[in-house]
């Protein structure tokens, strides 16, 4: 929190400022912004138009001038649709992973991708991930395929559940986890143990 607060004084980029403001509020900062996003969504469309976004930034107490808020809206609205979704908002707000973290996540993906086609499927996962110790499998409540599909669904974004996972989806999943882990060594160890790297 203190590191983010100090860094806030050294950046003029609105996206960095918003990110650092959220992080300086503690671990709940980004999740707090997700709640703010939902409150700003007046019509319940799960999209924010520019007016909702500008008003929401003001109401959240973030100190951004109108030009920065305008520029920020356009950074989130990548497809120039005139609105931004919660997923776009959180994905842009999340701090980028360091190169060492990206490398270990990519290594884990390659370990899982037995066919080398750049896409994880149930067949790829089945060769690495054993469901035998899963309590729901042991009790007979769920089959191995159901458990495998649930495992893959963890990595897929909203609206793109197709039973396969791309490197980008895998990276996005671990990018979200990375935010809550301060130490690169611990992140590396976690990945190595989880995927037997």
Protein backbone atom coordinates (compact mmCIF):
# COMPACT_ATOMS: atom_id res chain seq x y z
CA UNK A 1 0.00 0.00 0.00
CA UNK A 2 2.79 2.42 0.94
CA UNK A 3 4.80 1.56 -2.18
CA UNK A 4 1.76 2.29 -4.39
CA UNK A 5 1.05 5.52 -2.52
CA UNK A 6 4.65 6.71 -3.05
CA UNK A 7 4.63 5.74 -6.75
CA UNK A 8 1.40 7.69 -7.24
CA UNK A 9 3.33 10.96 -6.97
CA UNK A 10 5.72 9.94 -9.77
CA UNK A 11 3.28 9.18 -12.59
CA UNK A 12 1.07 11.29 -14.79
CA UNK A 13 -0.52 8.47 -16.82
CA UNK A 14 -4.23 8.30 -15.82
CA UNK A 15 -4.36 4.49 -15.98
CA UNK A 16 -1.28 4.15 -13.78
CA UNK A 17 -2.70 6.76 -11.40
CA UNK A 18 -6.04 4.93 -11.14
CA UNK A 19 -4.28 1.59 -10.64
CA UNK A 20 -1.96 3.01 -7.97
CA UNK A 21 -4.85 4.76 -6.21
CA UNK A 22 -6.69 1.44 -5.98
CA UNK A 23 -3.61 -0.46 -4.82
CA UNK A 24 -2.76 2.22 -2.25
CA UNK A 25 -6.14 1.54 -0.66
CA UNK A 26 -5.04 -2.03 0.07
CA UNK A 27 -5.79 -5.42 -1.40
CA UNK A 28 -9.47 -4.56 -1.64
CA UNK A 29 -8.76 -1.53 -3.82
CA UNK A 30 -9.27 -3.17 -7.21
CA UNK A 31 -12.18 -5.26 -5.94
CA UNK A 32 -13.56 -2.04 -4.49
CA UNK A 33 -13.42 -0.55 -7.98
CA UNK A 34 -15.39 -3.55 -9.29
CA UNK A 35 -18.11 -2.72 -6.74
CA UNK A 36 -17.97 0.94 -7.81
CA UNK A 37 -18.28 -0.18 -11.44
CA UNK A 38 -21.45 -2.14 -10.61
CA UNK A 39 -22.91 0.86 -8.75
CA UNK A 40 -22.11 3.13 -11.72
CA UNK A 41 -23.97 0.81 -14.09
CA UNK A 42 -27.28 2.67 -13.74
CA UNK A 43 -29.15 0.74 -16.41
CA UNK A 44 -27.82 -2.71 -15.39
CA UNK A 45 -26.36 -3.32 -18.87
CA UNK A 46 -22.99 -4.48 -17.48
CA UNK A 47 -21.51 -1.75 -19.67
CA UNK A 48 -20.56 1.80 -18.74
CA UNK A 49 -21.11 4.63 -21.16
CA UNK A 50 -18.88 7.70 -20.88
CA UNK A 51 -21.30 9.63 -18.66
CA UNK A 52 -21.67 6.75 -16.18
CA UNK A 53 -17.88 6.28 -16.16
CA UNK A 54 -17.10 9.97 -15.54
CA UNK A 55 -19.69 10.23 -12.77
CA UNK A 56 -18.46 6.99 -11.22
CA UNK A 57 -14.85 8.13 -11.13
CA UNK A 58 -15.96 11.34 -9.36
CA UNK A 59 -18.16 9.46 -6.88
CA UNK A 60 -15.42 6.95 -6.05
CA UNK A 61 -13.28 9.75 -4.64
CA UNK A 62 -10.44 9.30 -7.11
CA UNK A 63 -8.71 12.59 -7.80
CA UNK A 64 -8.57 12.73 -11.61
CA UNK A 65 -9.09 15.86 -13.67
CA UNK A 66 -11.65 15.81 -16.54
CA UNK A 67 -8.98 15.39 -19.26
CA UNK A 68 -7.44 12.42 -17.44
CA UNK A 69 -10.88 10.87 -16.94
CA UNK A 70 -11.64 11.28 -20.66
CA UNK A 71 -8.29 9.77 -21.66
CA UNK A 72 -8.82 6.94 -19.20
CA UNK A 73 -12.25 6.14 -20.64
CA UNK A 74 -10.70 5.77 -24.10
CA UNK A 75 -7.98 3.46 -22.72
CA UNK A 76 -10.66 1.13 -21.34
CA UNK A 77 -12.86 1.40 -24.44
CA UNK A 78 -10.40 -0.46 -26.68
CA UNK A 79 -12.95 -1.37 -29.35
CA UNK A 80 -14.29 2.23 -29.51
CA UNK A 81 -17.82 0.99 -28.84
CA UNK A 82 -18.61 3.94 -26.58
CA UNK A 83 -18.82 1.73 -23.49
CA UNK A 84 -16.64 -0.50 -21.31
CA UNK A 85 -17.41 -3.79 -19.59
CA UNK A 86 -16.42 -4.88 -16.10
CA UNK A 87 -13.99 -7.43 -17.55
CA UNK A 88 -12.30 -4.75 -19.67
CA UNK A 89 -12.15 -2.44 -16.67
CA UNK A 90 -10.56 -4.96 -14.31
CA UNK A 91 -8.21 -6.37 -16.99
CA UNK A 92 -6.82 -2.89 -17.74
CA UNK A 93 -6.67 -1.94 -14.06
CA UNK A 94 -4.74 -5.04 -13.03
CA UNK A 95 -0.97 -4.42 -12.78
CA UNK A 96 1.06 -6.21 -15.46
CA UNK A 97 3.04 -9.30 -14.44
CA UNK A 98 6.82 -9.12 -14.35
CA UNK A 99 8.75 -10.93 -17.10
CA UNK A 100 9.87 -13.65 -14.67
CA UNK A 101 6.25 -14.35 -13.70
CA UNK A 102 5.11 -14.37 -17.32
CA UNK A 103 7.92 -16.83 -18.15
CA UNK A 104 6.96 -19.31 -15.41
CA UNK A 105 3.25 -19.12 -16.38
CA UNK A 106 4.18 -19.78 -20.01
CA UNK A 107 6.34 -22.71 -18.90
CA UNK A 108 3.37 -24.18 -16.99
CA UNK A 109 1.12 -23.72 -20.02
CA UNK A 110 3.60 -25.50 -22.28
CA UNK A 111 3.82 -28.35 -19.77
CA UNK A 112 0.05 -28.78 -19.90
CA UNK A 113 -0.18 -28.37 -23.69
CA UNK A 114 0.96 -31.89 -24.57
CA UNK A 115 -0.10 -31.59 -28.22
CA UNK A 116 1.78 -28.30 -28.65
CA UNK A 117 -1.10 -26.70 -30.54
CA UNK A 118 -1.32 -23.66 -28.23
CA UNK A 119 -4.69 -24.67 -26.80
CA UNK A 120 -5.42 -26.66 -23.64
CA UNK A 121 -8.17 -29.28 -23.87
CA UNK A 122 -9.48 -31.93 -21.50
CA UNK A 123 -7.17 -34.46 -23.16
CA UNK A 124 -4.14 -32.23 -22.44
CA UNK A 125 -5.17 -31.73 -18.83
CA UNK A 126 -5.97 -35.41 -18.30
CA UNK A 127 -2.31 -36.26 -18.96
CA UNK A 128 -1.15 -34.02 -16.09
CA UNK A 129 -4.06 -33.42 -13.70
CA UNK A 130 -5.40 -36.43 -11.82
CA UNK A 131 -8.92 -36.31 -10.42
CA UNK A 132 -8.40 -39.41 -8.27
CA UNK A 133 -7.95 -37.40 -5.07
CA UNK A 134 -10.83 -35.01 -5.80
CA UNK A 135 -13.49 -35.56 -3.09
CA UNK A 136 -16.39 -35.14 -5.55
CA UNK A 137 -14.85 -37.79 -7.82
CA UNK A 138 -14.16 -40.14 -4.92
CA UNK A 139 -17.75 -39.88 -3.71
CA UNK A 140 -19.11 -40.47 -7.21
CA UNK A 141 -20.88 -37.08 -7.28
CA UNK A 142 -19.03 -36.02 -10.44
CA UNK A 143 -17.31 -37.79 -13.29
CA UNK A 144 -13.71 -37.16 -14.31
CA UNK A 145 -14.88 -35.20 -17.39
CA UNK A 146 -17.11 -32.90 -15.31
CA UNK A 147 -14.22 -32.16 -12.95
CA UNK A 148 -11.87 -31.56 -15.90
CA UNK A 149 -14.35 -29.15 -17.50
CA UNK A 150 -14.66 -27.25 -14.22
CA UNK A 151 -10.88 -27.07 -13.98
CA UNK A 152 -10.65 -25.63 -17.52
CA UNK A 153 -13.54 -23.21 -16.85
CA UNK A 154 -11.41 -21.55 -14.14
CA UNK A 155 -9.19 -20.16 -16.88
CA UNK A 156 -11.86 -19.07 -19.34
CA UNK A 157 -13.27 -15.56 -19.33
CA UNK A 158 -16.92 -14.65 -19.13
CA UNK A 159 -18.73 -15.39 -22.36
CA UNK A 160 -15.92 -17.49 -23.84
CA UNK A 161 -16.48 -20.86 -22.20
CA UNK A 162 -15.70 -23.29 -25.00
CA UNK A 163 -13.88 -26.13 -23.23
CA UNK A 164 -10.47 -24.96 -24.38
CA UNK A 165 -7.95 -22.55 -22.87
CA UNK A 166 -5.55 -20.37 -24.84
CA UNK A 167 -2.24 -19.04 -23.53
CA UNK A 168 -3.85 -15.60 -23.23
CA UNK A 169 -6.68 -16.96 -21.04
CA UNK A 170 -4.17 -18.89 -18.93
CA UNK A 171 -2.01 -15.77 -18.58
CA UNK A 172 -5.03 -13.62 -17.62
CA UNK A 173 -6.00 -16.09 -14.90
CA UNK A 174 -2.55 -16.01 -13.34
CA UNK A 175 -2.29 -12.26 -13.82
CA UNK A 176 -5.28 -11.92 -11.48
CA UNK A 177 -3.63 -14.22 -8.94
CA UNK A 178 -0.29 -12.44 -9.34
CA UNK A 179 -1.75 -9.18 -7.99
CA UNK A 180 -2.19 -10.73 -4.54
CA UNK A 181 1.35 -12.17 -4.35
CA UNK A 182 4.06 -9.61 -3.54
CA UNK A 183 7.10 -11.84 -3.81
CA UNK A 184 8.33 -13.11 -7.21
CA UNK A 185 10.10 -16.05 -5.57
CA UNK A 186 6.90 -17.19 -3.85
CA UNK A 187 4.93 -16.90 -7.12
CA UNK A 188 7.61 -18.94 -8.90
CA UNK A 189 7.56 -21.61 -6.16
CA UNK A 190 3.75 -21.78 -6.24
CA UNK A 191 3.75 -22.35 -10.01
CA UNK A 192 6.54 -24.93 -9.86
CA UNK A 193 4.77 -26.92 -7.15
CA UNK A 194 1.34 -26.70 -8.79
CA UNK A 195 2.59 -27.89 -12.19
CA UNK A 196 5.61 -29.95 -11.13
CA UNK A 197 8.02 -27.80 -13.15
